[in-house]
Amino acid sequence: TQPPVLVTQPVAHTVNVQGQAQWSSHMMDCFQDTEICVCGFFCLPLLQCKVASDFGECFCVPMLPGALMALRTGIRERHHIEGTVFDDFVSLWCCNHCTTCQMARELRHQKNRGTAVTVVTT
């Protein structure tokens, strides 16, 4: 007799945790992370390039018009953070430094906690 034929293969599924989260820090919590705060206020373009790189984009993306808003929206959507594109625009327009620092803190927070679960079914 021959061994049974395997009809289905195990499949890996990535399941993202759903729900509407809040930013891990407020926009004005600049002093929550001194390193990010100092970089954001004394060398904002450097921090913006680091945010883009940490998000998985080319570090020079923030040099393009409107790219920082797209990065903020991308961070919000990837991590299921409540808000709208209009909120992103207003935040960046009102206080670019504080908003960029918030984005950097959020990426650091998400990196430290992890947000995806891999489920394997057999």
N, C-alpha and C. Protein backbone atom coordinates (compact mmCIF):
# COMPACT_ATOMS: atom_id res chain seq x y z
N THR A 1 0.84 -1.19 0.00
CA THR A 1 0.00 0.00 0.00
C THR A 1 0.88 1.25 0.00
N GLN A 2 0.32 2.26 -0.58
CA GLN A 2 1.04 3.54 -0.68
C GLN A 2 0.54 4.50 0.40
N PRO A 3 1.44 5.41 0.85
CA PRO A 3 0.99 6.40 1.85
C PRO A 3 -0.08 7.30 1.24
N PRO A 4 -0.96 7.86 2.10
CA PRO A 4 -2.02 8.73 1.58
C PRO A 4 -1.44 9.98 0.92
N VAL A 5 -2.13 10.47 -0.06
CA VAL A 5 -1.71 11.67 -0.78
C VAL A 5 -2.14 12.89 0.03
N LEU A 6 -1.20 13.81 0.20
CA LEU A 6 -1.50 15.04 0.92
C LEU A 6 -2.29 15.96 0.01
N VAL A 7 -3.51 16.31 0.43
CA VAL A 7 -4.40 17.11 -0.41
C VAL A 7 -4.22 18.60 -0.16
N THR A 8 -4.00 19.01 1.08
CA THR A 8 -3.84 20.44 1.38
C THR A 8 -2.52 20.68 2.10
N GLN A 9 -1.95 21.81 1.85
CA GLN A 9 -0.70 22.21 2.47
C GLN A 9 -1.00 23.18 3.61
N PRO A 10 -0.15 23.19 4.65
CA PRO A 10 -0.32 24.22 5.69
C PRO A 10 -0.13 25.61 5.06
N VAL A 11 -0.94 26.54 5.50
CA VAL A 11 -0.90 27.89 4.95
C VAL A 11 -0.68 28.88 6.09
N ALA A 12 0.22 29.83 5.89
CA ALA A 12 0.45 30.88 6.89
C ALA A 12 -0.41 32.08 6.54
N HIS A 13 -1.09 32.61 7.53
CA HIS A 13 -1.92 33.80 7.35
C HIS A 13 -1.41 34.86 8.32
N THR A 14 -1.28 36.07 7.86
CA THR A 14 -0.93 37.17 8.74
C THR A 14 -2.21 37.90 9.09
N VAL A 15 -2.47 37.99 10.39
CA VAL A 15 -3.69 38.64 10.85
C VAL A 15 -3.28 39.88 11.62
N ASN A 16 -3.69 41.03 11.16
CA ASN A 16 -3.37 42.27 11.87
C ASN A 16 -4.39 42.51 12.96
N VAL A 17 -3.91 43.00 14.08
CA VAL A 17 -4.80 43.35 15.17
C VAL A 17 -5.64 44.54 14.72
N GLN A 18 -6.94 44.42 14.81
CA GLN A 18 -7.84 45.46 14.31
C GLN A 18 -8.33 46.36 15.45
N GLY A 19 -8.95 47.43 15.10
CA GLY A 19 -9.49 48.36 16.07
C GLY A 19 -8.91 49.74 15.84
N GLN A 20 -9.51 50.71 16.43
CA GLN A 20 -9.03 52.08 16.29
C GLN A 20 -8.21 52.44 17.52
N ALA A 21 -6.93 52.57 17.33
CA ALA A 21 -6.02 52.92 18.42
C ALA A 21 -5.81 54.43 18.44
N GLN A 22 -5.16 54.88 19.46
CA GLN A 22 -4.76 56.28 19.59
C GLN A 22 -3.24 56.35 19.39
N TRP A 23 -2.73 57.53 19.11
CA TRP A 23 -1.28 57.72 19.06
C TRP A 23 -0.74 57.35 20.44
N SER A 24 0.44 56.77 20.50
CA SER A 24 1.02 56.36 21.78
C SER A 24 1.44 57.56 22.63
N SER A 25 1.59 58.72 22.00
CA SER A 25 1.91 59.95 22.72
C SER A 25 1.19 61.10 22.04
N HIS A 26 0.96 62.16 22.79
CA HIS A 26 0.30 63.33 22.22
C HIS A 26 1.31 64.14 21.41
N MET A 27 0.79 64.98 20.54
CA MET A 27 1.65 65.78 19.68
C MET A 27 2.58 66.68 20.50
N MET A 28 2.12 67.18 21.63
CA MET A 28 2.92 68.11 22.43
C MET A 28 3.77 67.41 23.49
N ASP A 29 3.87 66.08 23.45
CA ASP A 29 4.70 65.33 24.40
C ASP A 29 6.15 65.25 23.94
N CYS A 30 6.65 66.34 23.42
CA CYS A 30 7.99 66.33 22.81
C CYS A 30 9.08 65.89 23.77
N PHE A 31 8.95 66.21 25.06
CA PHE A 31 10.01 65.88 26.01
C PHE A 31 9.91 64.46 26.53
N GLN A 32 8.95 63.69 26.02
CA GLN A 32 8.81 62.29 26.42
C GLN A 32 10.04 61.48 25.98
N ASP A 33 10.62 61.85 24.85
CA ASP A 33 11.82 61.18 24.34
C ASP A 33 12.82 62.28 23.98
N THR A 34 13.80 62.47 24.85
CA THR A 34 14.75 63.58 24.70
C THR A 34 15.53 63.51 23.39
N GLU A 35 15.95 62.32 22.99
CA GLU A 35 16.73 62.17 21.76
C GLU A 35 15.93 62.65 20.54
N ILE A 36 14.69 62.22 20.45
CA ILE A 36 13.83 62.63 19.33
C ILE A 36 13.54 64.12 19.41
N CYS A 37 13.30 64.63 20.62
CA CYS A 37 13.00 66.05 20.81
C CYS A 37 14.16 66.93 20.33
N VAL A 38 15.36 66.61 20.76
CA VAL A 38 16.53 67.41 20.39
C VAL A 38 16.75 67.37 18.88
N CYS A 39 16.65 66.17 18.31
CA CYS A 39 16.83 66.02 16.86
C CYS A 39 15.74 66.79 16.10
N GLY A 40 14.50 66.70 16.60
CA GLY A 40 13.38 67.36 15.93
C GLY A 40 13.46 68.88 15.94
N PHE A 41 14.00 69.43 17.02
CA PHE A 41 14.03 70.88 17.11
C PHE A 41 15.31 71.51 16.58
N PHE A 42 16.39 70.75 16.54
CA PHE A 42 17.64 71.32 16.05
C PHE A 42 18.03 70.84 14.66
N CYS A 43 17.45 69.73 14.22
CA CYS A 43 17.77 69.22 12.89
C CYS A 43 16.56 68.46 12.33
N LEU A 44 15.47 69.20 12.11
CA LEU A 44 14.21 68.60 11.66
C LEU A 44 14.35 67.78 10.38
N PRO A 45 15.06 68.26 9.36
CA PRO A 45 15.17 67.45 8.14
C PRO A 45 15.80 66.07 8.39
N LEU A 46 16.76 66.00 9.30
CA LEU A 46 17.38 64.72 9.64
C LEU A 46 16.35 63.78 10.27
N LEU A 47 15.54 64.29 11.20
CA LEU A 47 14.52 63.46 11.84
C LEU A 47 13.47 63.01 10.82
N GLN A 48 13.09 63.90 9.92
CA GLN A 48 12.11 63.53 8.90
C GLN A 48 12.65 62.40 8.02
N CYS A 49 13.92 62.46 7.67
CA CYS A 49 14.53 61.39 6.87
C CYS A 49 14.58 60.09 7.66
N LYS A 50 14.84 60.18 8.96
CA LYS A 50 14.86 58.98 9.80
C LYS A 50 13.47 58.37 9.91
N VAL A 51 12.45 59.19 10.04
CA VAL A 51 11.07 58.69 10.10
C VAL A 51 10.73 57.94 8.81
N ALA A 52 11.09 58.51 7.68
CA ALA A 52 10.82 57.85 6.40
C ALA A 52 11.53 56.51 6.33
N SER A 53 12.79 56.49 6.73
CA SER A 53 13.57 55.25 6.70
C SER A 53 13.00 54.20 7.65
N ASP A 54 12.64 54.62 8.87
CA ASP A 54 12.06 53.69 9.85
C ASP A 54 10.72 53.15 9.38
N PHE A 55 10.02 53.91 8.58
CA PHE A 55 8.72 53.47 8.05
C PHE A 55 8.89 52.52 6.87
N GLY A 56 10.12 52.43 6.35
CA GLY A 56 10.39 51.52 5.24
C GLY A 56 10.46 52.21 3.89
N GLU A 57 10.50 53.52 3.89
CA GLU A 57 10.61 54.29 2.65
C GLU A 57 12.05 54.77 2.48
N CYS A 58 12.36 55.27 1.31
CA CYS A 58 13.67 55.86 1.05
C CYS A 58 13.83 57.08 1.97
N PHE A 59 15.02 57.25 2.54
CA PHE A 59 15.23 58.34 3.49
C PHE A 59 15.01 59.72 2.89
N CYS A 60 15.10 59.86 1.55
CA CYS A 60 14.95 61.18 0.95
C CYS A 60 13.50 61.52 0.59
N VAL A 61 12.56 60.64 0.89
CA VAL A 61 11.15 60.89 0.58
C VAL A 61 10.63 62.21 1.17
N PRO A 62 10.98 62.58 2.42
CA PRO A 62 10.45 63.84 2.97
C PRO A 62 10.82 65.09 2.18
N MET A 63 11.78 64.99 1.28
CA MET A 63 12.16 66.15 0.47
C MET A 63 11.14 66.43 -0.63
N LEU A 64 10.24 65.49 -0.87
CA LEU A 64 9.20 65.68 -1.89
C LEU A 64 8.00 66.42 -1.29
N PRO A 65 7.39 67.32 -2.04
CA PRO A 65 6.22 68.05 -1.53
C PRO A 65 5.09 67.09 -1.16
N GLY A 66 4.55 67.25 0.03
CA GLY A 66 3.40 66.45 0.46
C GLY A 66 3.75 65.07 0.99
N ALA A 67 5.01 64.69 0.90
CA ALA A 67 5.40 63.33 1.29
C ALA A 67 5.28 63.10 2.79
N LEU A 68 5.56 64.13 3.59
CA LEU A 68 5.47 63.97 5.03
C LEU A 68 4.04 63.68 5.47
N MET A 69 3.09 64.33 4.81
CA MET A 69 1.68 64.06 5.12
C MET A 69 1.33 62.62 4.74
N ALA A 70 1.83 62.15 3.60
CA ALA A 70 1.59 60.77 3.19
C ALA A 70 2.21 59.79 4.18
N LEU A 71 3.39 60.12 4.71
CA LEU A 71 4.03 59.26 5.71
C LEU A 71 3.19 59.20 6.98
N ARG A 72 2.70 60.35 7.42
CA ARG A 72 1.87 60.37 8.64
C ARG A 72 0.60 59.55 8.43
N THR A 73 -0.03 59.72 7.28
CA THR A 73 -1.24 58.95 6.97
C THR A 73 -0.91 57.46 6.92
N GLY A 74 0.23 57.12 6.33
CA GLY A 74 0.65 55.73 6.25
C GLY A 74 0.90 55.12 7.62
N ILE A 75 1.53 55.86 8.50
CA ILE A 75 1.77 55.39 9.87
C ILE A 75 0.43 55.15 10.56
N ARG A 76 -0.48 56.11 10.41
CA ARG A 76 -1.80 55.99 11.03
C ARG A 76 -2.54 54.76 10.53
N GLU A 77 -2.53 54.55 9.22
CA GLU A 77 -3.26 53.42 8.64
C GLU A 77 -2.61 52.08 8.98
N ARG A 78 -1.29 52.01 8.92
CA ARG A 78 -0.60 50.75 9.21
C ARG A 78 -0.85 50.29 10.64
N HIS A 79 -0.93 51.24 11.56
CA HIS A 79 -1.08 50.90 12.97
C HIS A 79 -2.50 51.14 13.49
N HIS A 80 -3.44 51.33 12.57
CA HIS A 80 -4.87 51.47 12.89
C HIS A 80 -5.11 52.58 13.92
N ILE A 81 -4.48 53.71 13.70
CA ILE A 81 -4.63 54.86 14.59
C ILE A 81 -5.76 55.73 14.06
N GLU A 82 -6.61 56.13 14.97
CA GLU A 82 -7.77 56.95 14.63
C GLU A 82 -7.34 58.28 14.01
N GLY A 83 -8.10 58.77 13.06
CA GLY A 83 -7.83 60.06 12.46
C GLY A 83 -8.17 60.09 10.98
N THR A 84 -7.96 61.25 10.37
CA THR A 84 -8.26 61.43 8.95
C THR A 84 -7.08 62.10 8.26
N VAL A 85 -7.11 62.10 6.95
CA VAL A 85 -6.08 62.79 6.18
C VAL A 85 -6.10 64.28 6.51
N PHE A 86 -7.29 64.83 6.71
CA PHE A 86 -7.40 66.25 7.08
C PHE A 86 -6.71 66.51 8.42
N ASP A 87 -6.91 65.60 9.39
CA ASP A 87 -6.22 65.74 10.69
C ASP A 87 -4.70 65.75 10.49
N ASP A 88 -4.23 64.87 9.61
CA ASP A 88 -2.79 64.80 9.34
C ASP A 88 -2.29 66.12 8.75
N PHE A 89 -3.05 66.67 7.81
CA PHE A 89 -2.68 67.94 7.18
C PHE A 89 -2.62 69.06 8.21
N VAL A 90 -3.65 69.17 9.03
CA VAL A 90 -3.71 70.25 10.02
C VAL A 90 -2.58 70.11 11.04
N SER A 91 -2.32 68.89 11.49
CA SER A 91 -1.23 68.67 12.45
C SER A 91 0.11 69.12 11.90
N LEU A 92 0.40 68.73 10.68
CA LEU A 92 1.68 69.11 10.07
C LEU A 92 1.75 70.60 9.77
N TRP A 93 0.64 71.19 9.40
CA TRP A 93 0.61 72.61 9.07
C TRP A 93 0.77 73.46 10.33
N CYS A 94 0.12 73.05 11.43
CA CYS A 94 0.17 73.84 12.66
C CYS A 94 1.51 73.72 13.39
N CYS A 95 2.05 72.52 13.47
CA CYS A 95 3.32 72.35 14.18
C CYS A 95 4.09 71.17 13.59
N ASN A 96 4.82 71.47 12.55
CA ASN A 96 5.59 70.46 11.84
C ASN A 96 6.58 69.75 12.76
N HIS A 97 7.26 70.51 13.62
CA HIS A 97 8.26 69.92 14.52
C HIS A 97 7.61 68.91 15.47
N CYS A 98 6.56 69.34 16.16
CA CYS A 98 5.90 68.46 17.14
C CYS A 98 5.30 67.23 16.47
N THR A 99 4.71 67.42 15.31
CA THR A 99 4.09 66.30 14.59
C THR A 99 5.14 65.30 14.12
N THR A 100 6.25 65.78 13.62
CA THR A 100 7.32 64.87 13.19
C THR A 100 7.88 64.11 14.39
N CYS A 101 8.03 64.78 15.51
CA CYS A 101 8.49 64.10 16.73
C CYS A 101 7.49 63.03 17.16
N GLN A 102 6.20 63.33 17.07
CA GLN A 102 5.16 62.35 17.42
C GLN A 102 5.26 61.12 16.50
N MET A 103 5.47 61.35 15.22
CA MET A 103 5.59 60.25 14.27
C MET A 103 6.80 59.38 14.62
N ALA A 104 7.92 60.00 14.96
CA ALA A 104 9.13 59.25 15.33
C ALA A 104 8.90 58.44 16.60
N ARG A 105 8.23 59.04 17.59
CA ARG A 105 7.94 58.32 18.83
C ARG A 105 7.00 57.14 18.56
N GLU A 106 6.02 57.34 17.69
CA GLU A 106 5.07 56.27 17.37
C GLU A 106 5.78 55.09 16.70
N LEU A 107 6.65 55.38 15.75
CA LEU A 107 7.38 54.30 15.08
C LEU A 107 8.27 53.54 16.07
N ARG A 108 8.90 54.26 16.98
CA ARG A 108 9.72 53.61 18.01
C ARG A 108 8.84 52.74 18.92
N HIS A 109 7.69 53.28 19.30
CA HIS A 109 6.75 52.53 20.15
C HIS A 109 6.27 51.26 19.45
N GLN A 110 5.87 51.38 18.20
CA GLN A 110 5.37 50.22 17.45
C GLN A 110 6.47 49.18 17.25
N LYS A 111 7.68 49.64 17.01
CA LYS A 111 8.81 48.71 16.82
C LYS A 111 9.06 47.92 18.10
N ASN A 112 8.92 48.57 19.25
CA ASN A 112 9.18 47.92 20.53
C ASN A 112 8.08 46.94 20.93
N ARG A 113 6.86 47.14 20.44
CA ARG A 113 5.77 46.26 20.87
C ARG A 113 5.39 45.22 19.84
N GLY A 114 5.60 45.46 18.54
CA GLY A 114 5.18 44.50 17.51
C GLY A 114 3.67 44.53 17.35
N THR A 115 3.17 44.43 16.10
CA THR A 115 1.73 44.57 15.90
C THR A 115 1.10 43.47 15.06
N ALA A 116 1.87 42.52 14.58
CA ALA A 116 1.29 41.49 13.72
C ALA A 116 1.42 40.12 14.37
N VAL A 117 0.45 39.26 14.11
CA VAL A 117 0.45 37.90 14.61
C VAL A 117 0.41 36.98 13.40
N THR A 118 1.25 35.95 13.39
CA THR A 118 1.22 34.99 12.28
C THR A 118 0.54 33.72 12.77
N VAL A 119 -0.48 33.27 12.04
CA VAL A 119 -1.23 32.06 12.39
C VAL A 119 -0.97 31.02 11.31
N VAL A 120 -0.60 29.80 11.71
CA VAL A 120 -0.38 28.72 10.75
C VAL A 120 -1.48 27.69 10.94
N THR A 121 -2.20 27.38 9.85
CA THR A 121 -3.25 26.36 9.91
C THR A 121 -2.76 25.12 9.19
N THR A 122 -3.18 23.98 9.67
CA THR A 122 -2.79 22.72 9.02
C THR A 122 -4.00 21.97 8.52
